[in-house]
PDB file of N, CA and C in Angstrom:
ATOM      1  N   UNK A   1      75.426  53.105  87.457  1.00  0.00           N
ATOM      2  CA  UNK A   1      75.079  52.816  86.078  1.00  0.00           C
ATOM      3  C   UNK A   1      75.757  51.523  85.646  1.00  0.00           C
ATOM      4  N   UNK A   2      75.447  50.484  86.386  1.00  0.00           N
ATOM      5  CA  UNK A   2      76.051  49.186  86.064  1.00  0.00           C
ATOM      6  C   UNK A   2      75.077  48.261  85.338  1.00  0.00           C
ATOM      7  N   UNK A   3      73.837  48.692  85.239  1.00  0.00           N
ATOM      8  CA  UNK A   3      72.852  47.864  84.545  1.00  0.00           C
ATOM      9  C   UNK A   3      73.134  47.872  83.055  1.00  0.00           C
ATOM     10  N   UNK A   4      72.902  46.734  82.437  1.00  0.00           N
ATOM     11  CA  UNK A   4      73.093  46.599  80.994  1.00  0.00           C
ATOM     12  C   UNK A   4      71.870  45.882  80.432  1.00  0.00           C
ATOM     13  N   UNK A   5      71.548  46.246  79.215  1.00  0.00           N
ATOM     14  CA  UNK A   5      70.454  45.538  78.540  1.00  0.00           C
ATOM     15  C   UNK A   5      71.013  44.217  78.004  1.00  0.00           C
ATOM     16  N   UNK A   6      70.314  43.153  78.294  1.00  0.00           N
ATOM     17  CA  UNK A   6      70.752  41.831  77.836  1.00  0.00           C
ATOM     18  C   UNK A   6      70.332  41.633  76.382  1.00  0.00           C
ATOM     19  N   UNK A   7      71.342  41.392  75.543  1.00  0.00           N
ATOM     20  CA  UNK A   7      71.072  41.212  74.108  1.00  0.00           C
ATOM     21  C   UNK A   7      70.806  39.728  73.863  1.00  0.00           C
ATOM     22  N   UNK A   8      69.606  39.447  73.394  1.00  0.00           N
ATOM     23  CA  UNK A   8      69.213  38.043  73.185  1.00  0.00           C
ATOM     24  C   UNK A   8      68.913  37.733  71.729  1.00  0.00           C
ATOM     25  N   UNK A   9      68.991  38.776  70.876  1.00  0.00           N
ATOM     26  CA  UNK A   9      68.679  38.536  69.463  1.00  0.00           C
ATOM     27  C   UNK A   9      69.463  39.505  68.595  1.00  0.00           C
ATOM     28  N   UNK A  10      69.535  39.212  67.300  1.00  0.00           N
ATOM     29  CA  UNK A  10      70.238  40.056  66.339  1.00  0.00           C
ATOM     30  C   UNK A  10      69.268  40.917  65.531  1.00  0.00           C
ATOM     31  N   UNK A  11      68.050  41.039  65.980  1.00  0.00           N
ATOM     32  CA  UNK A  11      67.067  41.831  65.240  1.00  0.00           C
ATOM     33  C   UNK A  11      67.125  43.292  65.690  1.00  0.00           C
ATOM     34  N   UNK A  12      66.113  44.046  65.347  1.00  0.00           N
ATOM     35  CA  UNK A  12      66.075  45.475  65.679  1.00  0.00           C
ATOM     36  C   UNK A  12      66.077  45.718  67.184  1.00  0.00           C
ATOM     37  N   UNK A  13      65.422  44.887  67.946  1.00  0.00           N
ATOM     38  CA  UNK A  13      65.401  45.013  69.414  1.00  0.00           C
ATOM     39  C   UNK A  13      66.799  44.754  69.960  1.00  0.00           C
ATOM     40  N   UNK A  14      67.456  43.720  69.444  1.00  0.00           N
ATOM     41  CA  UNK A  14      68.824  43.410  69.864  1.00  0.00           C
ATOM     42  C   UNK A  14      69.757  44.566  69.535  1.00  0.00           C
ATOM     43  N   UNK A  15      69.583  45.151  68.339  1.00  0.00           N
ATOM     44  CA  UNK A  15      70.390  46.296  67.908  1.00  0.00           C
ATOM     45  C   UNK A  15      70.112  47.505  68.811  1.00  0.00           C
ATOM     46  N   UNK A  16      68.852  47.706  69.165  1.00  0.00           N
ATOM     47  CA  UNK A  16      68.473  48.798  70.073  1.00  0.00           C
ATOM     48  C   UNK A  16      69.129  48.611  71.431  1.00  0.00           C
ATOM     49  N   UNK A  17      69.117  47.354  71.941  1.00  0.00           N
ATOM     50  CA  UNK A  17      69.732  47.070  73.232  1.00  0.00           C
ATOM     51  C   UNK A  17      71.247  47.317  73.169  1.00  0.00           C
ATOM     52  N   UNK A  18      71.878  46.903  72.074  1.00  0.00           N
ATOM     53  CA  UNK A  18      73.316  47.109  71.893  1.00  0.00           C
ATOM     54  C   UNK A  18      73.640  48.608  71.914  1.00  0.00           C
ATOM     55  N   UNK A  19      72.873  49.400  71.157  1.00  0.00           N
ATOM     56  CA  UNK A  19      73.105  50.848  71.114  1.00  0.00           C
ATOM     57  C   UNK A  19      72.802  51.518  72.467  1.00  0.00           C
ATOM     58  N   UNK A  20      71.812  50.987  73.164  1.00  0.00           N
ATOM     59  CA  UNK A  20      71.490  51.503  74.489  1.00  0.00           C
ATOM     60  C   UNK A  20      72.670  51.259  75.440  1.00  0.00           C
ATOM     61  N   UNK A  21      73.262  50.051  75.350  1.00  0.00           N
ATOM     62  CA  UNK A  21      74.429  49.744  76.183  1.00  0.00           C
ATOM     63  C   UNK A  21      75.608  50.662  75.843  1.00  0.00           C
ATOM     64  N   UNK A  22      75.817  50.937  74.561  1.00  0.00           N
ATOM     65  CA  UNK A  22      76.890  51.868  74.143  1.00  0.00           C
ATOM     66  C   UNK A  22      76.613  53.272  74.690  1.00  0.00           C
ATOM     67  N   UNK A  23      75.339  53.652  74.652  1.00  0.00           N
ATOM     68  CA  UNK A  23      74.942  54.960  75.195  1.00  0.00           C
ATOM     69  C   UNK A  23      75.243  55.019  76.694  1.00  0.00           C
ATOM     70  N   UNK A  24      74.896  53.942  77.420  1.00  0.00           N
ATOM     71  CA  UNK A  24      75.180  53.882  78.857  1.00  0.00           C
ATOM     72  C   UNK A  24      76.685  53.948  79.120  1.00  0.00           C
ATOM     73  N   UNK A  25      77.481  53.259  78.294  1.00  0.00           N
ATOM     74  CA  UNK A  25      78.936  53.303  78.437  1.00  0.00           C
ATOM     75  C   UNK A  25      79.450  54.739  78.251  1.00  0.00           C
ATOM     76  N   UNK A  26      78.917  55.424  77.268  1.00  0.00           N
ATOM     77  CA  UNK A  26      79.329  56.818  77.016  1.00  0.00           C
ATOM     78  C   UNK A  26      78.946  57.709  78.182  1.00  0.00           C
ATOM     79  N   UNK A  27      77.737  57.540  78.700  1.00  0.00           N
ATOM     80  CA  UNK A  27      77.273  58.317  79.864  1.00  0.00           C
ATOM     81  C   UNK A  27      78.171  58.023  81.072  1.00  0.00           C
ATOM     82  N   UNK A  28      78.495  56.755  81.286  1.00  0.00           N
ATOM     83  CA  UNK A  28      79.351  56.341  82.408  1.00  0.00           C
ATOM     84  C   UNK A  28      80.726  57.013  82.279  1.00  0.00           C
ATOM     85  N   UNK A  29      81.266  57.035  81.077  1.00  0.00           N
ATOM     86  CA  UNK A  29      82.570  57.656  80.846  1.00  0.00           C
ATOM     87  C   UNK A  29      82.507  59.170  81.107  1.00  0.00           C
ATOM     88  N   UNK A  30      81.439  59.784  80.670  1.00  0.00           N
ATOM     89  CA  UNK A  30      81.268  61.227  80.913  1.00  0.00           C
ATOM     90  C   UNK A  30      81.184  61.504  82.416  1.00  0.00           C
ATOM     91  N   UNK A  31      80.452  60.667  83.124  1.00  0.00           N
ATOM     92  CA  UNK A  31      80.314  60.839  84.576  1.00  0.00           C
ATOM     93  C   UNK A  31      81.674  60.673  85.260  1.00  0.00           C
ATOM     94  N   UNK A  32      82.439  59.654  84.866  1.00  0.00           N
ATOM     95  CA  UNK A  32      83.766  59.440  85.453  1.00  0.00           C
ATOM     96  C   UNK A  32      84.690  60.615  85.152  1.00  0.00           C
ATOM     97  N   UNK A  33      84.649  61.119  83.915  1.00  0.00           N
ATOM     98  CA  UNK A  33      85.469  62.289  83.556  1.00  0.00           C
ATOM     99  C   UNK A  33      85.066  63.500  84.398  1.00  0.00           C
ATOM    100  N   UNK A  34      83.766  63.680  84.591  1.00  0.00           N
ATOM    101  CA  UNK A  34      83.280  64.800  85.401  1.00  0.00           C
ATOM    102  C   UNK A  34      83.710  64.667  86.862  1.00  0.00           C
ATOM    103  N   UNK A  35      83.689  63.433  87.389  1.00  0.00           N
ATOM    104  CA  UNK A  35      84.146  63.210  88.761  1.00  0.00           C
ATOM    105  C   UNK A  35      85.625  63.575  88.892  1.00  0.00           C
ATOM    106  N   UNK A  36      86.418  63.138  87.907  1.00  0.00           N
ATOM    107  CA  UNK A  36      87.847  63.440  87.922  1.00  0.00           C
ATOM    108  C   UNK A  36      88.075  64.954  87.823  1.00  0.00           C
ATOM    109  N   UNK A  37      87.362  65.594  86.922  1.00  0.00           N
ATOM    110  CA  UNK A  37      87.491  67.042  86.761  1.00  0.00           C
ATOM    111  C   UNK A  37      87.063  67.772  88.027  1.00  0.00           C
ATOM    112  N   UNK A  38      85.987  67.323  88.635  1.00  0.00           N
ATOM    113  CA  UNK A  38      85.512  67.939  89.876  1.00  0.00           C
ATOM    114  C   UNK A  38      86.559  67.781  90.975  1.00  0.00           C
ATOM    115  N   UNK A  39      87.170  66.611  91.046  1.00  0.00           N
ATOM    116  CA  UNK A  39      88.212  66.371  92.043  1.00  0.00           C
ATOM    117  C   UNK A  39      89.416  67.275  91.790  1.00  0.00           C
ATOM    118  N   UNK A  40      89.813  67.400  90.530  1.00  0.00           N
ATOM    119  CA  UNK A  40      90.929  68.278  90.179  1.00  0.00           C
ATOM    120  C   UNK A  40      90.588  69.736  90.504  1.00  0.00           C
ATOM    121  N   UNK A  41      89.362  70.133  90.186  1.00  0.00           N
ATOM    122  CA  UNK A  41      88.929  71.502  90.485  1.00  0.00           C
ATOM    123  C   UNK A  41      88.937  71.770  91.983  1.00  0.00           C
ATOM    124  N   UNK A  42      88.522  70.787  92.761  1.00  0.00           N
ATOM    125  CA  UNK A  42      88.540  70.931  94.215  1.00  0.00           C
ATOM    126  C   UNK A  42      89.969  71.108  94.709  1.00  0.00           C
ATOM    127  N   UNK A  43      90.862  70.296  94.186  1.00  0.00           N
ATOM    128  CA  UNK A  43      92.270  70.388  94.579  1.00  0.00           C
ATOM    129  C   UNK A  43      92.853  71.751  94.199  1.00  0.00           C
ATOM    130  N   UNK A  44      92.567  72.200  92.988  1.00  0.00           N
ATOM    131  CA  UNK A  44      93.039  73.510  92.530  1.00  0.00           C
ATOM    132  C   UNK A  44      92.436  74.617  93.377  1.00  0.00           C
ATOM    133  N   UNK A  45      91.174  74.483  93.696  1.00  0.00           N
ATOM    134  CA  UNK A  45      90.493  75.483  94.524  1.00  0.00           C
ATOM    135  C   UNK A  45      91.149  75.596  95.893  1.00  0.00           C
ATOM    136  N   UNK A  46      91.463  74.460  96.494  1.00  0.00           N
ATOM    137  CA  UNK A  46      92.125  74.473  97.802  1.00  0.00           C
ATOM    138  C   UNK A  46      93.505  75.123  97.696  1.00  0.00           C
ATOM    139  N   UNK A  47      94.225  74.793  96.641  1.00  0.00           N
ATOM    140  CA  UNK A  47      95.565  75.368  96.450  1.00  0.00           C
ATOM    141  C   UNK A  47      95.481  76.880  96.236  1.00  0.00           C
ATOM    142  N   UNK A  48      94.515  77.312  95.436  1.00  0.00           N
ATOM    143  CA  UNK A  48      94.344  78.752  95.211  1.00  0.00           C
ATOM    144  C   UNK A  48      93.936  79.464  96.501  1.00  0.00           C
ATOM    145  N   UNK A  49      93.098  78.826  97.269  1.00  0.00           N
ATOM    146  CA  UNK A  49      92.678  79.402  98.549  1.00  0.00           C
ATOM    147  C   UNK A  49      93.872  79.550  99.480  1.00  0.00           C
ATOM    148  N   UNK A  50      94.699  78.518  99.535  1.00  0.00           N
ATOM    149  CA  UNK A  50      95.898  78.566 100.372  1.00  0.00           C
ATOM    150  C   UNK A  50      96.841  79.669  99.893  1.00  0.00           C
ATOM    151  N   UNK A  51      97.022  79.765  98.580  1.00  0.00           N
ATOM    152  CA  UNK A  51      97.890  80.803  98.016  1.00  0.00           C
ATOM    153  C   UNK A  51      97.331  82.194  98.313  1.00  0.00           C
ATOM    154  N   UNK A  52      96.020  82.344  98.218  1.00  0.00           N
ATOM    155  CA  UNK A  52      95.392  83.637  98.503  1.00  0.00           C
ATOM    156  C   UNK A  52      95.601  84.030  99.960  1.00  0.00           C
ATOM    157  N   UNK A  53      95.535  83.067 100.856  1.00  0.00           N
ATOM    158  CA  UNK A  53      95.785  83.353 102.276  1.00  0.00           C
ATOM    159  C   UNK A  53      97.229  83.794 102.495  1.00  0.00           C
ATOM    160  N   UNK A  54      98.154  83.136 101.815  1.00  0.00           N
ATOM    161  CA  UNK A  54      99.569  83.509 101.937  1.00  0.00           C
ATOM    162  C   UNK A  54      99.793  84.904 101.379  1.00  0.00           C
ATOM    163  N   UNK A  55      99.216  85.188 100.219  1.00  0.00           N
ATOM    164  CA  UNK A  55      99.350  86.519  99.619  1.00  0.00           C
ATOM    165  C   UNK A  55      98.744  87.571 100.543  1.00  0.00           C
ATOM    166  N   UNK A  56      97.587  87.277 101.091  1.00  0.00           N
ATOM    167  CA  UNK A  56      96.941  88.216 102.017  1.00  0.00           C
ATOM    168  C   UNK A  56      97.813  88.495 103.226  1.00  0.00           C
ATOM    169  N   UNK A  57      98.424  87.450 103.772  1.00  0.00           N
ATOM    170  CA  UNK A  57      99.311  87.615 104.923  1.00  0.00           C
ATOM    171  C   UNK A  57     100.534  88.441 104.540  1.00  0.00           C
ATOM    172  N   UNK A  58     101.095  88.183 103.353  1.00  0.00           N
ATOM    173  CA  UNK A  58     102.245  88.959 102.886  1.00  0.00           C
ATOM    174  C   UNK A  58     101.893  90.425 102.696  1.00  0.00           C
ATOM    175  N   UNK A  59     100.708  90.678 102.169  1.00  0.00           N
ATOM    176  CA  UNK A  59     100.261  92.066 102.000  1.00  0.00           C
ATOM    177  C   UNK A  59     100.096  92.728 103.357  1.00  0.00           C
ATOM    178  N   UNK A  60      99.525  91.993 104.285  1.00  0.00           N
ATOM    179  CA  UNK A  60      99.347  92.521 105.638  1.00  0.00           C
ATOM    180  C   UNK A  60     100.697  92.854 106.272  1.00  0.00           C
ATOM    181  N   UNK A  61     101.675  91.962 106.104  1.00  0.00           N
ATOM    182  CA  UNK A  61     103.022  92.207 106.625  1.00  0.00           C
ATOM    183  C   UNK A  61     103.669  93.412 105.949  1.00  0.00           C
ATOM    184  N   UNK A  62     103.493  93.517 104.641  1.00  0.00           N
ATOM    185  CA  UNK A  62     104.045  94.656 103.907  1.00  0.00           C
ATOM    186  C   UNK A  62     103.415  95.953 104.375  1.00  0.00           C
ATOM    187  N   UNK A  63     102.124  95.928 104.595  1.00  0.00           N
ATOM    188  CA  UNK A  63     101.426  97.121 105.060  1.00  0.00           C
ATOM    189  C   UNK A  63     101.932  97.530 106.438  1.00  0.00           C
ATOM    190  N   UNK A  64     102.159  96.563 107.294  1.00  0.00           N
ATOM    191  CA  UNK A  64     102.707  96.848 108.626  1.00  0.00           C
ATOM    192  C   UNK A  64     104.089  97.489 108.497  1.00  0.00           C
ATOM    193  N   UNK A  65     104.911  96.943 107.612  1.00  0.00           N
ATOM    194  CA  UNK A  65     106.249  97.493 107.398  1.00  0.00           C
ATOM    195  C   UNK A  65     106.179  98.920 106.865  1.00  0.00           C
ATOM    196  N   UNK A  66     105.294  99.156 105.910  1.00  0.00           N
ATOM    197  CA  UNK A  66     105.136 100.502 105.354  1.00  0.00           C
ATOM    198  C   UNK A  66     104.645 101.472 106.423  1.00  0.00           C
ATOM    199  N   UNK A  67     103.687 101.044 107.232  1.00  0.00           N
ATOM    200  CA  UNK A  67     103.181 101.913 108.302  1.00  0.00           C
ATOM    201  C   UNK A  67     104.270 102.236 109.314  1.00  0.00           C
ATOM    202  N   UNK A  68     105.086 101.243 109.659  1.00  0.00           N
ATOM    203  CA  UNK A  68     106.181 101.479 110.589  1.00  0.00           C
ATOM    204  C   UNK A  68     107.203 102.445 109.993  1.00  0.00           C
ATOM    205  N   UNK A  69     107.535 102.252 108.712  1.00  0.00           N
ATOM    206  CA  UNK A  69     108.492 103.140 108.041  1.00  0.00           C
ATOM    207  C   UNK A  69     107.948 104.563 107.964  1.00  0.00           C
ATOM    208  N   UNK A  70     106.657 104.677 107.683  1.00  0.00           N
ATOM    209  CA  UNK A  70     106.021 105.997 107.625  1.00  0.00           C
ATOM    210  C   UNK A  70     106.073 106.670 108.984  1.00  0.00           C
ATOM    211  N   UNK A  71     105.801 105.929 110.025  1.00  0.00           N
ATOM    212  CA  UNK A  71     105.848 106.475 111.383  1.00  0.00           C
ATOM    213  C   UNK A  71     107.262 106.915 111.734  1.00  0.00           C
ATOM    214  N   UNK A  72     108.236 106.092 111.393  1.00  0.00           N
ATOM    215  CA  UNK A  72     109.629 106.450 111.661  1.00  0.00           C
ATOM    216  C   UNK A  72     110.043 107.681 110.853  1.00  0.00           C
ATOM    217  N   UNK A  73     109.601 107.772 109.616  1.00  0.00           N
ATOM    218  CA  UNK A  73     109.921 108.937 108.788  1.00  0.00           C
ATOM    219  C   UNK A  73     109.295 110.196 109.385  1.00  0.00           C
ATOM    220  N   UNK A  74     108.091 110.088 109.893  1.00  0.00           N
ATOM    221  CA  UNK A  74     107.420 111.236 110.532  1.00  0.00           C
ATOM    222  C   UNK A  74     108.188 111.668 111.776  1.00  0.00           C
ATOM    223  N   UNK A  75     108.621 110.692 112.572  1.00  0.00           N
ATOM    224  CA  UNK A  75     109.411 111.004 113.769  1.00  0.00           C
ATOM    225  C   UNK A  75     110.715 111.696 113.375  1.00  0.00           C
ATOM    226  N   UNK A  76     111.368 111.188 112.335  1.00  0.00           N
ATOM    227  CA  UNK A  76     112.605 111.805 111.865  1.00  0.00           C
ATOM    228  C   UNK A  76     112.349 113.225 111.367  1.00  0.00           C
ATOM    229  N   UNK A  77     111.247 113.413 110.661  1.00  0.00           N
ATOM    230  CA  UNK A  77     110.896 114.743 110.169  1.00  0.00           C
ATOM    231  C   UNK A  77     110.679 115.693 111.341  1.00  0.00           C
ATOM    232  N   UNK A  78     109.970 115.231 112.351  1.00  0.00           N
ATOM    233  CA  UNK A  78     109.742 116.057 113.538  1.00  0.00           C
ATOM    234  C   UNK A  78     111.068 116.404 114.214  1.00  0.00           C
ATOM    235  N   UNK A  79     111.972 115.403 114.326  1.00  0.00           N
ATOM    236  CA  UNK A  79     113.283 115.639 114.928  1.00  0.00           C
ATOM    237  C   UNK A  79     114.089 116.652 114.119  1.00  0.00           C
ATOM    238  N   UNK A  80     114.007 116.577 112.795  1.00  0.00           N
ATOM    239  CA  UNK A  80     114.725 117.527 111.931  1.00  0.00           C
ATOM    240  C   UNK A  80     114.177 118.935 112.131  1.00  0.00           C
ATOM    241  N   UNK A  81     112.857 119.066 112.197  1.00  0.00           N
ATOM    242  CA  UNK A  81     112.248 120.381 112.414  1.00  0.00           C
ATOM    243  C   UNK A  81     112.721 120.956 113.749  1.00  0.00           C
ATOM    244  N   UNK A  82     112.734 120.133 114.792  1.00  0.00           N
ATOM    245  CA  UNK A  82     113.201 120.581 116.111  1.00  0.00           C
ATOM    246  C   UNK A  82     114.673 120.987 116.035  1.00  0.00           C
ATOM    247  N   UNK A  83     115.485 120.196 115.340  1.00  0.00           N
ATOM    248  CA  UNK A  83     116.908 120.517 115.195  1.00  0.00           C
ATOM    249  C   UNK A  83     117.110 121.829 114.458  1.00  0.00           C
ATOM    250  N   UNK A  84     116.316 122.071 113.428  1.00  0.00           N
ATOM    251  CA  UNK A  84     116.407 123.331 112.690  1.00  0.00           C
ATOM    252  C   UNK A  84     116.046 124.497 113.601  1.00  0.00           C
ATOM    253  N   UNK A  85     114.970 124.328 114.374  1.00  0.00           N
ATOM    254  CA  UNK A  85     114.565 125.392 115.300  1.00  0.00           C
ATOM    255  C   UNK A  85     115.646 125.636 116.348  1.00  0.00           C
ATOM    256  N   UNK A  86     116.234 124.549 116.869  1.00  0.00           N
ATOM    257  CA  UNK A  86     117.329 124.684 117.842  1.00  0.00           C
ATOM    258  C   UNK A  86     118.533 125.377 117.217  1.00  0.00           C
ATOM    259  N   UNK A  87     118.828 125.030 115.954  1.00  0.00           N
ATOM    260  CA  UNK A  87     119.959 125.658 115.257  1.00  0.00           C
ATOM    261  C   UNK A  87     119.723 127.148 115.067  1.00  0.00           C
ATOM    262  N   UNK A  88     118.502 127.521 114.698  1.00  0.00           N
ATOM    263  CA  UNK A  88     118.178 128.947 114.538  1.00  0.00           C
ATOM    264  C   UNK A  88     118.361 129.675 115.872  1.00  0.00           C
ATOM    265  N   UNK A  89     117.871 129.071 116.957  1.00  0.00           N
ATOM    266  CA  UNK A  89     117.993 129.674 118.286  1.00  0.00           C
ATOM    267  C   UNK A  89     119.464 129.801 118.663  1.00  0.00           C
ATOM    268  N   UNK A  90     120.251 128.748 118.377  1.00  0.00           N
ATOM    269  CA  UNK A  90     121.683 128.802 118.680  1.00  0.00           C
ATOM    270  C   UNK A  90     122.369 129.889 117.870  1.00  0.00           C
ATOM    271  N   UNK A  91     121.986 130.039 116.624  1.00  0.00           N
ATOM    272  CA  UNK A  91     122.562 131.078 115.762  1.00  0.00           C
ATOM    273  C   UNK A  91     122.256 132.452 116.351  1.00  0.00           C
ATOM    274  N   UNK A  92     121.008 132.635 116.794  1.00  0.00           N
ATOM    275  CA  UNK A  92     120.631 133.913 117.408  1.00  0.00           C
ATOM    276  C   UNK A  92     121.440 134.146 118.683  1.00  0.00           C
ATOM    277  N   UNK A  93     121.602 133.099 119.494  1.00  0.00           N
ATOM    278  CA  UNK A  93     122.379 133.212 120.725  1.00  0.00           C
ATOM    279  C   UNK A  93     123.833 133.566 120.410  1.00  0.00           C
ATOM    280  N   UNK A  94     124.405 132.932 119.388  1.00  0.00           N
ATOM    281  CA  UNK A  94     125.787 133.214 118.992  1.00  0.00           C
ATOM    282  C   UNK A  94     125.898 134.660 118.512  1.00  0.00           C
ATOM    283  N   UNK A  95     124.907 135.120 117.768  1.00  0.00           N
ATOM    284  CA  UNK A  95     124.923 136.511 117.280  1.00  0.00           C
ATOM    285  C   UNK A  95     124.880 137.480 118.453  1.00  0.00           C
ATOM    286  N   UNK A  96     124.067 137.186 119.458  1.00  0.00           N
ATOM    287  CA  UNK A  96     123.978 138.048 120.646  1.00  0.00           C
ATOM    288  C   UNK A  96     125.314 138.059 121.377  1.00  0.00           C
ATOM    289  N   UNK A  97     125.891 136.893 121.578  1.00  0.00           N
ATOM    290  CA  UNK A  97     127.183 136.809 122.270  1.00  0.00           C
ATOM    291  C   UNK A  97     128.256 137.524 121.467  1.00  0.00           C
ATOM    292  N   UNK A  98     128.255 137.346 120.155  1.00  0.00           N
ATOM    293  CA  UNK A  98     129.245 138.016 119.303  1.00  0.00           C
ATOM    294  C   UNK A  98     129.097 139.528 119.406  1.00  0.00           C
ATOM    295  N   UNK A  99     127.874 139.975 119.454  1.00  0.00           N
ATOM    296  CA  UNK A  99     127.615 141.417 119.579  1.00  0.00           C
ATOM    297  C   UNK A  99     128.128 141.924 120.921  1.00  0.00           C
ATOM    298  N   UNK A 100     127.890 141.156 121.970  1.00  0.00           N
ATOM    299  CA  UNK A 100     128.366 141.547 123.299  1.00  0.00           C
ATOM    300  C   UNK A 100     129.888 141.547 123.356  1.00  0.00           C
ATOM    301  N   UNK A 101     130.499 140.573 122.705  1.00  0.00           N
ATOM    302  CA  UNK A 101     131.970 140.514 122.665  1.00  0.00           C
ATOM    303  C   UNK A 101     132.523 141.731 121.921  1.00  0.00           C
ATOM    304  N   UNK A 102     131.908 142.126 120.828  1.00  0.00           N
ATOM    305  CA  UNK A 102     132.317 143.305 120.076  1.00  0.00           C
ATOM    306  C   UNK A 102     132.216 144.562 120.942  1.00  0.00           C
ATOM    307  N   UNK A 103     131.093 144.653 121.637  1.00  0.00           N
ATOM    308  CA  UNK A 103     130.889 145.825 122.497  1.00  0.00           C
ATOM    309  C   UNK A 103     131.954 145.878 123.597  1.00  0.00           C
ATOM    310  N   UNK A 104     132.241 144.720 124.186  1.00  0.00           N
ATOM    311  CA  UNK A 104     133.284 144.664 125.219  1.00  0.00           C
ATOM    312  C   UNK A 104     134.655 145.038 124.638  1.00  0.00           C
ATOM    313  N   UNK A 105     134.901 144.533 123.448  1.00  0.00           N
ATOM    314  CA  UNK A 105     136.186 144.816 122.797  1.00  0.00           C
ATOM    315  C   UNK A 105     136.284 146.298 122.502  1.00  0.00           C
ATOM    316  N   UNK A 106     135.198 146.944 122.114  1.00  0.00           N
ATOM    317  CA  UNK A 106     135.197 148.380 121.816  1.00  0.00           C
ATOM    318  C   UNK A 106     135.419 149.196 123.087  1.00  0.00           C
ATOM    319  N   UNK A 107     134.879 148.758 124.180  1.00  0.00           N
ATOM    320  CA  UNK A 107     135.035 149.468 125.451  1.00  0.00           C
ATOM    321  C   UNK A 107     136.487 149.399 125.938  1.00  0.00           C
ATOM    322  N   UNK A 108     137.130 148.319 125.640  1.00  0.00           N
ATOM    323  CA  UNK A 108     138.497 148.159 126.119  1.00  0.00           C
ATOM    324  C   UNK A 108     139.480 148.868 125.240  1.00  0.00           C
ATOM    325  N   UNK A 109     139.104 149.306 124.120  1.00  0.00           N
ATOM    326  CA  UNK A 109     140.011 150.022 123.226  1.00  0.00           C
ATOM    327  C   UNK A 109     140.246 151.391 123.664  1.00  0.00           C
TER     328      UNK A 109
END
């Protein structure tokens, strides 16, 4: 938009050409502002995209950590259940031995 109307007179045609040139200047300014805004929007878009990728990766890492912690907690829970069962069995074994010791002690009396 570099073309301009050549003003050769001060009459109505000259005035029309002058206003047409002002209109072209305004259009040119709007186009330049839009180019700048589009460039800024592109830059912001790229930055937001990069940030979204980082956030996504962080979420993925957090999810991995949570899954690992959940798995470890399940393993610990299973180990606790086994320990409780072993403790109950040991208690029963101790009760049997204690009973046998009592019986032996009674026989020796």
